[in-house]
Amino acid sequence: MSPYLAVVAVRFRASLRYRAAAAAGFVTQLFFGLVMVMALQAFYASGRAGASLPFQAAVNYIWLGQAFLGMLPWNVDRDVMALIRNGNVVFDFVRPLGLYGVWFAHALAGRASATMLRAVPLILAVAFVFPLLGPEVVGLTGPASGAGFIAFLATYLFTVLLSCAVTVFMNALNLIFLSGEGINAFMTALVTIFSGMVIPLPLFPDALQPLLIAQPFAGLVDFPFRYYTGAFPPSRLLVTLPLQAFWIGCFALAGRALLARAEKRLSIQGG
């Protein structure tokens, strides 16, 4: 286990160097969050929102989504993609560590560092600075309850694992197809829509809720944020955690299968 932890530590420290990119991401997420909150205000003012999610809960949902945007698996690992394109990925295959574990550790460090650099200043801004600007600026409020916050933390642990499993699955697909542009474009649309990042899933029609909850990407955004906002009672963990664990297992098995297939087809030229 310690070699994989070392991979996480090295990649995490390297990712923390990109402070300028994190600052730009903070400004971008703040801007898009404000735009989405204003769109929500217009939507709720029209009277078509329903009672599935109160306005402030929906605002919290939006701000949490912007803060934790870095955890979304909507793109491949750029370092892994570079290794695939230049052929140096062969060294990962011959190292005395499981390739899946190494790539999972890479994904964990990369997602966690990107999230931490953006989430901390954004949450501080929308939770503590926004209230000082006046009641017309709607920011982030606290969780609906202490039990709901604990459920949020428990669910988000599974969210991190699910995000990394999806990322490694995408990396493995790139090892087969050698191009990440199409996969990135497809996954960006899929993840942002069905996770609840663009439109909170509780605002979709009631008839679609069972399907939306059952699909894998709800565990990336919707589940933890519903606990934070109080839309899910903590007892719902008995449903959501097994669902997240199921999809983590599915993506992990699929990723391992793709890596095994790629290893059998791998040919090395030169030397």
C-alpha atoms as a PDB file:
ATOM      1  CA  MET A   1       0.000   0.000   0.000  1.00  0.00           C
ATOM      2  CA  SER A   2       2.830   2.414   0.793  1.00  0.00           C
ATOM      3  CA  PRO A   3       4.104   2.647  -2.836  1.00  0.00           C
ATOM      4  CA  TYR A   4       0.673   3.805  -3.965  1.00  0.00           C
ATOM      5  CA  LEU A   5       0.537   6.341  -1.134  1.00  0.00           C
ATOM      6  CA  ALA A   6       3.916   7.613  -2.304  1.00  0.00           C
ATOM      7  CA  VAL A   7       2.489   8.082  -5.804  1.00  0.00           C
ATOM      8  CA  VAL A   8      -0.401  10.053  -4.309  1.00  0.00           C
ATOM      9  CA  ALA A   9       1.940  12.237  -2.257  1.00  0.00           C
ATOM     10  CA  VAL A  10       4.287  13.016  -5.169  1.00  0.00           C
ATOM     11  CA  ARG A  11       1.464  13.813  -7.593  1.00  0.00           C
ATOM     12  CA  PHE A  12      -0.376  15.867  -4.956  1.00  0.00           C
ATOM     13  CA  ARG A  13       2.671  18.039  -4.239  1.00  0.00           C
ATOM     14  CA  ALA A  14       3.311  18.521  -7.948  1.00  0.00           C
ATOM     15  CA  SER A  15      -0.286  19.558  -8.592  1.00  0.00           C
ATOM     16  CA  LEU A  16      -0.215  22.144  -5.800  1.00  0.00           C
ATOM     17  CA  ARG A  17       2.322  24.149  -7.800  1.00  0.00           C
ATOM     18  CA  TYR A  18      -0.318  25.277 -10.279  1.00  0.00           C
ATOM     19  CA  ARG A  19      -1.617  28.130  -8.127  1.00  0.00           C
ATOM     20  CA  ALA A  20      -2.169  30.499 -11.053  1.00  0.00           C
ATOM     21  CA  ALA A  21      -4.452  27.976 -12.735  1.00  0.00           C
ATOM     22  CA  ALA A  22      -6.264  27.488  -9.429  1.00  0.00           C
ATOM     23  CA  ALA A  23      -6.773  31.239  -9.066  1.00  0.00           C
ATOM     24  CA  ALA A  24      -8.180  31.435 -12.597  1.00  0.00           C
ATOM     25  CA  GLY A  25     -10.424  28.486 -11.816  1.00  0.00           C
ATOM     26  CA  PHE A  26     -11.676  30.201  -8.662  1.00  0.00           C
ATOM     27  CA  VAL A  27     -12.690  33.314 -10.622  1.00  0.00           C
ATOM     28  CA  THR A  28     -14.313  31.187 -13.329  1.00  0.00           C
ATOM     29  CA  GLN A  29     -16.298  29.096 -10.864  1.00  0.00           C
ATOM     30  CA  LEU A  30     -17.376  32.202  -8.967  1.00  0.00           C
ATOM     31  CA  PHE A  31     -18.638  33.813 -12.171  1.00  0.00           C
ATOM     32  CA  PHE A  32     -20.497  30.747 -13.400  1.00  0.00           C
ATOM     33  CA  GLY A  33     -21.948  30.210  -9.937  1.00  0.00           C
ATOM     34  CA  LEU A  34     -23.368  33.726  -9.908  1.00  0.00           C
ATOM     35  CA  VAL A  35     -24.850  33.234 -13.378  1.00  0.00           C
ATOM     36  CA  MET A  36     -26.464  29.939 -12.357  1.00  0.00           C
ATOM     37  CA  VAL A  37     -27.849  31.427  -9.141  1.00  0.00           C
ATOM     38  CA  MET A  38     -29.409  34.290 -11.095  1.00  0.00           C
ATOM     39  CA  ALA A  39     -30.948  31.765 -13.493  1.00  0.00           C
ATOM     40  CA  LEU A  40     -32.340  29.909 -10.481  1.00  0.00           C
ATOM     41  CA  GLN A  41     -33.818  33.113  -9.104  1.00  0.00           C
ATOM     42  CA  ALA A  42     -35.680  33.688 -12.376  1.00  0.00           C
ATOM     43  CA  PHE A  43     -36.817  30.071 -12.477  1.00  0.00           C
ATOM     44  CA  TYR A  44     -38.160  30.104  -8.920  1.00  0.00           C
ATOM     45  CA  ALA A  45     -39.776  33.522  -9.423  1.00  0.00           C
ATOM     46  CA  SER A  46     -41.756  32.068 -12.332  1.00  0.00           C
ATOM     47  CA  GLY A  47     -43.446  29.633  -9.918  1.00  0.00           C
ATOM     48  CA  ARG A  48     -42.512  26.518 -11.913  1.00  0.00           C
ATOM     49  CA  ALA A  49     -39.882  25.151  -9.534  1.00  0.00           C
ATOM     50  CA  GLY A  50     -42.212  23.067  -7.367  1.00  0.00           C
ATOM     51  CA  ALA A  51     -41.541  22.035  -3.791  1.00  0.00           C
ATOM     52  CA  SER A  52     -38.922  19.345  -4.459  1.00  0.00           C
ATOM     53  CA  LEU A  53     -36.046  21.678  -3.566  1.00  0.00           C
ATOM     54  CA  PRO A  54     -36.410  25.058  -1.772  1.00  0.00           C
ATOM     55  CA  PHE A  55     -34.641  28.013  -3.337  1.00  0.00           C
ATOM     56  CA  GLN A  56     -31.850  28.333  -0.753  1.00  0.00           C
ATOM     57  CA  ALA A  57     -31.255  24.574  -0.922  1.00  0.00           C
ATOM     58  CA  ALA A  58     -30.924  24.852  -4.702  1.00  0.00           C
ATOM     59  CA  VAL A  59     -28.466  27.739  -4.262  1.00  0.00           C
ATOM     60  CA  ASN A  60     -26.396  25.656  -1.840  1.00  0.00           C
ATOM     61  CA  TYR A  61     -26.479  22.830  -4.387  1.00  0.00           C
ATOM     62  CA  ILE A  62     -25.100  25.186  -7.060  1.00  0.00           C
ATOM     63  CA  TRP A  63     -22.317  26.638  -4.912  1.00  0.00           C
ATOM     64  CA  LEU A  64     -21.202  23.246  -3.685  1.00  0.00           C
ATOM     65  CA  GLY A  65     -21.104  22.074  -7.285  1.00  0.00           C
ATOM     66  CA  GLN A  66     -18.858  24.969  -8.275  1.00  0.00           C
ATOM     67  CA  ALA A  67     -16.610  24.442  -5.248  1.00  0.00           C
ATOM     68  CA  PHE A  68     -16.117  20.730  -5.902  1.00  0.00           C
ATOM     69  CA  LEU A  69     -15.997  20.960  -9.686  1.00  0.00           C
ATOM     70  CA  GLY A  70     -12.442  19.633  -9.748  1.00  0.00           C
ATOM     71  CA  MET A  71     -13.636  16.252  -8.527  1.00  0.00           C
ATOM     72  CA  LEU A  72     -15.765  15.643 -11.620  1.00  0.00           C
ATOM     73  CA  PRO A  73     -14.274  12.971 -13.935  1.00  0.00           C
ATOM     74  CA  TRP A  74     -15.032  14.703 -17.205  1.00  0.00           C
ATOM     75  CA  ASN A  75     -11.540  14.472 -18.652  1.00  0.00           C
ATOM     76  CA  VAL A  76      -8.674  12.050 -18.815  1.00  0.00           C
ATOM     77  CA  ASP A  77      -5.498  12.377 -16.780  1.00  0.00           C
ATOM     78  CA  ARG A  78      -3.273  14.618 -18.929  1.00  0.00           C
ATOM     79  CA  ASP A  79      -0.052  13.074 -17.637  1.00  0.00           C
ATOM     80  CA  VAL A  80      -1.296   9.583 -18.454  1.00  0.00           C
ATOM     81  CA  MET A  81      -2.476  10.771 -21.866  1.00  0.00           C
ATOM     82  CA  ALA A  82       1.014  12.144 -22.581  1.00  0.00           C
ATOM     83  CA  LEU A  83       2.555   8.805 -21.623  1.00  0.00           C
ATOM     84  CA  ILE A  84       0.202   7.000 -23.994  1.00  0.00           C
ATOM     85  CA  ARG A  85       0.945   9.309 -26.918  1.00  0.00           C
ATOM     86  CA  ASN A  86       4.738   9.254 -26.574  1.00  0.00           C
ATOM     87  CA  GLY A  87       4.890   5.534 -25.828  1.00  0.00           C
ATOM     88  CA  ASN A  88       6.399   5.856 -22.352  1.00  0.00           C
ATOM     89  CA  VAL A  89       3.365   4.089 -20.937  1.00  0.00           C
ATOM     90  CA  VAL A  90       5.271   0.840 -21.502  1.00  0.00           C
ATOM     91  CA  PHE A  91       7.390   1.671 -18.445  1.00  0.00           C
ATOM     92  CA  ASP A  92       4.238   1.657 -16.316  1.00  0.00           C
ATOM     93  CA  PHE A  93       3.466  -1.846 -17.533  1.00  0.00           C
ATOM     94  CA  VAL A  94       6.860  -3.231 -16.492  1.00  0.00           C
ATOM     95  CA  ARG A  95       7.045  -1.567 -13.084  1.00  0.00           C
ATOM     96  CA  PRO A  96       6.526  -3.876 -10.065  1.00  0.00           C
ATOM     97  CA  LEU A  97       3.259  -2.133  -9.220  1.00  0.00           C
ATOM     98  CA  GLY A  98      -0.217  -2.770 -10.535  1.00  0.00           C
ATOM     99  CA  LEU A  99      -0.932  -0.304 -13.329  1.00  0.00           C
ATOM    100  CA  TYR A 100      -4.523   0.150 -12.223  1.00  0.00           C
ATOM    101  CA  GLY A 101      -3.423   1.074  -8.704  1.00  0.00           C
ATOM    102  CA  VAL A 102      -0.846   3.566  -9.986  1.00  0.00           C
ATOM    103  CA  TRP A 103      -3.343   5.279 -12.269  1.00  0.00           C
ATOM    104  CA  PHE A 104      -5.943   5.307  -9.506  1.00  0.00           C
ATOM    105  CA  ALA A 105      -3.421   6.981  -7.183  1.00  0.00           C
ATOM    106  CA  HIS A 106      -2.622   9.528  -9.925  1.00  0.00           C
ATOM    107  CA  ALA A 107      -6.319  10.293 -10.338  1.00  0.00           C
ATOM    108  CA  LEU A 108      -6.873  10.593  -6.588  1.00  0.00           C
ATOM    109  CA  ALA A 109      -4.028  13.074  -6.120  1.00  0.00           C
ATOM    110  CA  GLY A 110      -4.910  15.092  -9.201  1.00  0.00           C
ATOM    111  CA  ARG A 111      -8.612  15.379  -8.398  1.00  0.00           C
ATOM    112  CA  ALA A 112      -8.023  16.106  -4.701  1.00  0.00           C
ATOM    113  CA  SER A 113      -5.414  18.827  -5.280  1.00  0.00           C
ATOM    114  CA  ALA A 114      -7.460  20.580  -7.974  1.00  0.00           C
ATOM    115  CA  THR A 115     -10.530  20.482  -5.741  1.00  0.00           C
ATOM    116  CA  MET A 116      -8.768  21.712  -2.631  1.00  0.00           C
ATOM    117  CA  LEU A 117      -7.122  24.686  -4.359  1.00  0.00           C
ATOM    118  CA  ARG A 118     -10.486  25.922  -5.675  1.00  0.00           C
ATOM    119  CA  ALA A 119     -12.959  24.742  -3.057  1.00  0.00           C
ATOM    120  CA  VAL A 120     -11.437  26.399   0.008  1.00  0.00           C
ATOM    121  CA  PRO A 121     -11.354  30.016  -1.297  1.00  0.00           C
ATOM    122  CA  LEU A 122     -14.696  29.642  -3.069  1.00  0.00           C
ATOM    123  CA  ILE A 123     -16.501  28.350   0.011  1.00  0.00           C
ATOM    124  CA  LEU A 124     -14.954  31.087   2.152  1.00  0.00           C
ATOM    125  CA  ALA A 125     -16.083  33.713  -0.363  1.00  0.00           C
ATOM    126  CA  VAL A 126     -19.678  32.565  -0.847  1.00  0.00           C
ATOM    127  CA  ALA A 127     -20.268  31.589   2.791  1.00  0.00           C
ATOM    128  CA  PHE A 128     -18.626  34.493   4.630  1.00  0.00           C
ATOM    129  CA  VAL A 129     -18.002  37.372   2.202  1.00  0.00           C
ATOM    130  CA  PHE A 130     -21.263  37.287   0.270  1.00  0.00           C
ATOM    131  CA  PRO A 131     -23.467  37.913   3.359  1.00  0.00           C
ATOM    132  CA  LEU A 132     -21.534  41.160   3.900  1.00  0.00           C
ATOM    133  CA  LEU A 133     -22.488  42.406   0.432  1.00  0.00           C
ATOM    134  CA  GLY A 134     -26.210  42.570   1.129  1.00  0.00           C
ATOM    135  CA  PRO A 135     -29.314  40.359   1.035  1.00  0.00           C
ATOM    136  CA  GLU A 136     -29.514  40.519  -2.767  1.00  0.00           C
ATOM    137  CA  VAL A 137     -26.303  38.455  -3.025  1.00  0.00           C
ATOM    138  CA  VAL A 138     -27.256  34.849  -2.297  1.00  0.00           C
ATOM    139  CA  GLY A 139     -24.430  32.755  -0.910  1.00  0.00           C
ATOM    140  CA  LEU A 140     -23.849  29.400   0.702  1.00  0.00           C
ATOM    141  CA  THR A 141     -25.506  28.605   4.024  1.00  0.00           C
ATOM    142  CA  GLY A 142     -24.750  25.824   6.470  1.00  0.00           C
ATOM    143  CA  PRO A 143     -25.961  22.223   6.164  1.00  0.00           C
ATOM    144  CA  ALA A 144     -29.586  21.427   6.952  1.00  0.00           C
ATOM    145  CA  SER A 145     -28.570  19.430  10.030  1.00  0.00           C
ATOM    146  CA  GLY A 146     -25.584  17.936  11.777  1.00  0.00           C
ATOM    147  CA  ALA A 147     -26.654  14.425  10.793  1.00  0.00           C
ATOM    148  CA  GLY A 148     -27.099  15.603   7.223  1.00  0.00           C
ATOM    149  CA  PHE A 149     -23.559  16.995   7.194  1.00  0.00           C
ATOM    150  CA  ILE A 150     -22.156  13.690   8.454  1.00  0.00           C
ATOM    151  CA  ALA A 151     -24.115  11.904   5.718  1.00  0.00           C
ATOM    152  CA  PHE A 152     -22.689  14.397   3.221  1.00  0.00           C
ATOM    153  CA  LEU A 153     -19.120  13.590   4.323  1.00  0.00           C
ATOM    154  CA  ALA A 154     -19.727   9.836   4.243  1.00  0.00           C
ATOM    155  CA  THR A 155     -21.253  10.017   0.784  1.00  0.00           C
ATOM    156  CA  TYR A 156     -18.519  12.268  -0.535  1.00  0.00           C
ATOM    157  CA  LEU A 157     -15.885   9.704   0.391  1.00  0.00           C
ATOM    158  CA  PHE A 158     -17.591   7.325  -2.027  1.00  0.00           C
ATOM    159  CA  THR A 159     -17.867  10.192  -4.528  1.00  0.00           C
ATOM    160  CA  VAL A 160     -14.086  10.547  -4.547  1.00  0.00           C
ATOM    161  CA  LEU A 161     -13.619   6.820  -5.149  1.00  0.00           C
ATOM    162  CA  LEU A 162     -16.239   6.815  -7.900  1.00  0.00           C
ATOM    163  CA  SER A 163     -14.631   9.813  -9.600  1.00  0.00           C
ATOM    164  CA  CYS A 164     -11.221   8.132  -9.598  1.00  0.00           C
ATOM    165  CA  ALA A 165     -12.683   4.860 -10.902  1.00  0.00           C
ATOM    166  CA  VAL A 166     -14.352   6.715 -13.793  1.00  0.00           C
ATOM    167  CA  THR A 167     -11.117   8.605 -14.524  1.00  0.00           C
ATOM    168  CA  VAL A 168      -9.061   5.411 -14.728  1.00  0.00           C
ATOM    169  CA  PHE A 169     -11.738   3.857 -16.945  1.00  0.00           C
ATOM    170  CA  MET A 170     -11.400   6.841 -19.305  1.00  0.00           C
ATOM    171  CA  ASN A 171      -7.603   6.520 -19.245  1.00  0.00           C
ATOM    172  CA  ALA A 172      -7.896   2.854 -20.153  1.00  0.00           C
ATOM    173  CA  LEU A 173     -10.220   3.721 -23.046  1.00  0.00           C
ATOM    174  CA  ASN A 174      -7.570   6.109 -24.335  1.00  0.00           C
ATOM    175  CA  LEU A 175      -5.041   3.317 -24.208  1.00  0.00           C
ATOM    176  CA  ILE A 176      -7.295   1.435 -26.634  1.00  0.00           C
ATOM    177  CA  PHE A 177      -8.304   4.314 -28.938  1.00  0.00           C
ATOM    178  CA  LEU A 178      -5.159   6.520 -28.566  1.00  0.00           C
ATOM    179  CA  SER A 179      -7.167   9.755 -28.673  1.00  0.00           C
ATOM    180  CA  GLY A 180      -8.843  11.510 -25.767  1.00  0.00           C
ATOM    181  CA  GLU A 181     -10.716  14.268 -27.581  1.00  0.00           C
ATOM    182  CA  GLY A 182     -13.826  12.276 -28.399  1.00  0.00           C
ATOM    183  CA  ILE A 183     -13.965  10.595 -24.990  1.00  0.00           C
ATOM    184  CA  ASN A 184     -13.510  13.937 -23.220  1.00  0.00           C
ATOM    185  CA  ALA A 185     -16.274  15.596 -25.238  1.00  0.00           C
ATOM    186  CA  PHE A 186     -18.667  12.717 -24.630  1.00  0.00           C
ATOM    187  CA  MET A 187     -17.923  12.412 -20.914  1.00  0.00           C
ATOM    188  CA  THR A 188     -18.126  16.169 -20.334  1.00  0.00           C
ATOM    189  CA  ALA A 189     -21.702  16.245 -21.606  1.00  0.00           C
ATOM    190  CA  LEU A 190     -22.645  13.014 -19.850  1.00  0.00           C
ATOM    191  CA  VAL A 191     -21.154  13.864 -16.460  1.00  0.00           C
ATOM    192  CA  THR A 192     -22.265  17.488 -16.245  1.00  0.00           C
ATOM    193  CA  ILE A 193     -25.877  16.753 -17.162  1.00  0.00           C
ATOM    194  CA  PHE A 194     -26.502  13.527 -15.286  1.00  0.00           C
ATOM    195  CA  SER A 195     -24.521  14.379 -12.162  1.00  0.00           C
ATOM    196  CA  GLY A 196     -26.639  17.445 -11.450  1.00  0.00           C
ATOM    197  CA  MET A 197     -23.873  19.958 -12.081  1.00  0.00           C
ATOM    198  CA  VAL A 198     -25.815  21.986 -14.664  1.00  0.00           C
ATOM    199  CA  ILE A 199     -29.354  21.467 -13.362  1.00  0.00           C
ATOM    200  CA  PRO A 200     -29.894  20.005  -9.870  1.00  0.00           C
ATOM    201  CA  LEU A 201     -31.432  16.580 -10.345  1.00  0.00           C
ATOM    202  CA  PRO A 202     -34.307  17.262  -7.869  1.00  0.00           C
ATOM    203  CA  LEU A 203     -35.599  19.865 -10.356  1.00  0.00           C
ATOM    204  CA  PHE A 204     -36.124  17.233 -13.056  1.00  0.00           C
ATOM    205  CA  PRO A 205     -39.643  15.757 -13.415  1.00  0.00           C
ATOM    206  CA  ASP A 206     -40.696  13.361 -10.660  1.00  0.00           C
ATOM    207  CA  ALA A 207     -41.234  10.571 -13.172  1.00  0.00           C
ATOM    208  CA  LEU A 208     -37.501  10.624 -14.016  1.00  0.00           C
ATOM    209  CA  GLN A 209     -36.235  10.582 -10.424  1.00  0.00           C
ATOM    210  CA  PRO A 210     -35.887   6.775 -10.057  1.00  0.00           C
ATOM    211  CA  LEU A 211     -33.814   6.591 -13.250  1.00  0.00           C
ATOM    212  CA  LEU A 212     -31.725   9.613 -12.328  1.00  0.00           C
ATOM    213  CA  ILE A 213     -30.925   8.201  -8.903  1.00  0.00           C
ATOM    214  CA  ALA A 214     -30.047   4.761 -10.273  1.00  0.00           C
ATOM    215  CA  GLN A 215     -27.581   5.972 -12.926  1.00  0.00           C
ATOM    216  CA  PRO A 216     -23.885   6.162 -11.920  1.00  0.00           C
ATOM    217  CA  PHE A 217     -23.223   9.899 -12.216  1.00  0.00           C
ATOM    218  CA  ALA A 218     -25.739  10.893  -9.546  1.00  0.00           C
ATOM    219  CA  GLY A 219     -23.187   9.682  -7.008  1.00  0.00           C
ATOM    220  CA  LEU A 220     -20.721  12.340  -8.161  1.00  0.00           C
ATOM    221  CA  VAL A 221     -22.762  15.437  -7.272  1.00  0.00           C
ATOM    222  CA  ASP A 222     -26.384  14.803  -6.464  1.00  0.00           C
ATOM    223  CA  PHE A 223     -26.178  12.344  -3.562  1.00  0.00           C
ATOM    224  CA  PRO A 224     -23.816  14.262  -1.257  1.00  0.00           C
ATOM    225  CA  PHE A 225     -25.423  17.622  -2.025  1.00  0.00           C
ATOM    226  CA  ARG A 226     -28.929  16.336  -1.304  1.00  0.00           C
ATOM    227  CA  TYR A 227     -27.766  15.314   2.173  1.00  0.00           C
ATOM    228  CA  TYR A 228     -26.191  18.733   2.722  1.00  0.00           C
ATOM    229  CA  THR A 229     -29.365  20.555   1.673  1.00  0.00           C
ATOM    230  CA  GLY A 230     -31.681  18.212   3.573  1.00  0.00           C
ATOM    231  CA  ALA A 231     -33.384  16.852   0.436  1.00  0.00           C
ATOM    232  CA  PHE A 232     -32.326  13.353   1.559  1.00  0.00           C
ATOM    233  CA  PRO A 233     -32.703  12.192   5.177  1.00  0.00           C
ATOM    234  CA  PRO A 234     -29.569  10.556   6.625  1.00  0.00           C
ATOM    235  CA  SER A 235     -31.387   7.205   6.675  1.00  0.00           C
ATOM    236  CA  ARG A 236     -31.222   7.266   2.854  1.00  0.00           C
ATOM    237  CA  LEU A 237     -27.554   6.279   3.161  1.00  0.00           C
ATOM    238  CA  LEU A 238     -28.754   2.669   3.169  1.00  0.00           C
ATOM    239  CA  VAL A 239     -29.758   3.231  -0.467  1.00  0.00           C
ATOM    240  CA  THR A 240     -27.186   5.657  -1.846  1.00  0.00           C
ATOM    241  CA  LEU A 241     -23.988   4.156  -0.435  1.00  0.00           C
ATOM    242  CA  PRO A 242     -24.659   0.681  -1.906  1.00  0.00           C
ATOM    243  CA  LEU A 243     -25.492   2.334  -5.240  1.00  0.00           C
ATOM    244  CA  GLN A 244     -22.225   4.242  -5.220  1.00  0.00           C
ATOM    245  CA  ALA A 245     -20.300   1.120  -4.211  1.00  0.00           C
ATOM    246  CA  PHE A 246     -21.958  -0.813  -7.043  1.00  0.00           C
ATOM    247  CA  TRP A 247     -20.918   1.712  -9.678  1.00  0.00           C
ATOM    248  CA  ILE A 248     -17.408   1.996  -8.228  1.00  0.00           C
ATOM    249  CA  GLY A 249     -17.091  -1.767  -8.650  1.00  0.00           C
ATOM    250  CA  CYS A 250     -18.480  -1.654 -12.196  1.00  0.00           C
ATOM    251  CA  PHE A 251     -16.067   1.042 -13.376  1.00  0.00           C
ATOM    252  CA  ALA A 252     -13.146  -0.596 -11.564  1.00  0.00           C
ATOM    253  CA  LEU A 253     -13.812  -3.972 -13.188  1.00  0.00           C
ATOM    254  CA  ALA A 254     -14.272  -2.369 -16.602  1.00  0.00           C
ATOM    255  CA  GLY A 255     -11.048  -0.375 -16.203  1.00  0.00           C
ATOM    256  CA  ARG A 256      -9.063  -3.449 -15.184  1.00  0.00           C
ATOM    257  CA  ALA A 257     -10.496  -5.431 -18.104  1.00  0.00           C
ATOM    258  CA  LEU A 258      -9.509  -2.714 -20.582  1.00  0.00           C
ATOM    259  CA  LEU A 259      -5.973  -2.537 -19.162  1.00  0.00           C
ATOM    260  CA  ALA A 260      -5.611  -6.316 -19.371  1.00  0.00           C
ATOM    261  CA  ARG A 261      -6.782  -6.236 -22.993  1.00  0.00           C
ATOM    262  CA  ALA A 262      -4.398  -3.401 -23.839  1.00  0.00           C
ATOM    263  CA  GLU A 263      -1.474  -5.218 -22.249  1.00  0.00           C
ATOM    264  CA  LYS A 264      -2.090  -8.306 -24.393  1.00  0.00           C
ATOM    265  CA  ARG A 265      -2.215  -6.186 -27.560  1.00  0.00           C
ATOM    266  CA  LEU A 266       0.749  -4.004 -26.638  1.00  0.00           C
ATOM    267  CA  SER A 267       3.667  -4.002 -29.072  1.00  0.00           C
ATOM    268  CA  ILE A 268       6.960  -2.219 -28.387  1.00  0.00           C
ATOM    269  CA  GLN A 269       9.129  -1.058 -31.294  1.00  0.00           C
ATOM    270  CA  GLY A 270      12.714   0.103 -31.201  1.00  0.00           C
ATOM    271  CA  GLY A 271      15.258  -0.321 -28.444  1.00  0.00           C
END
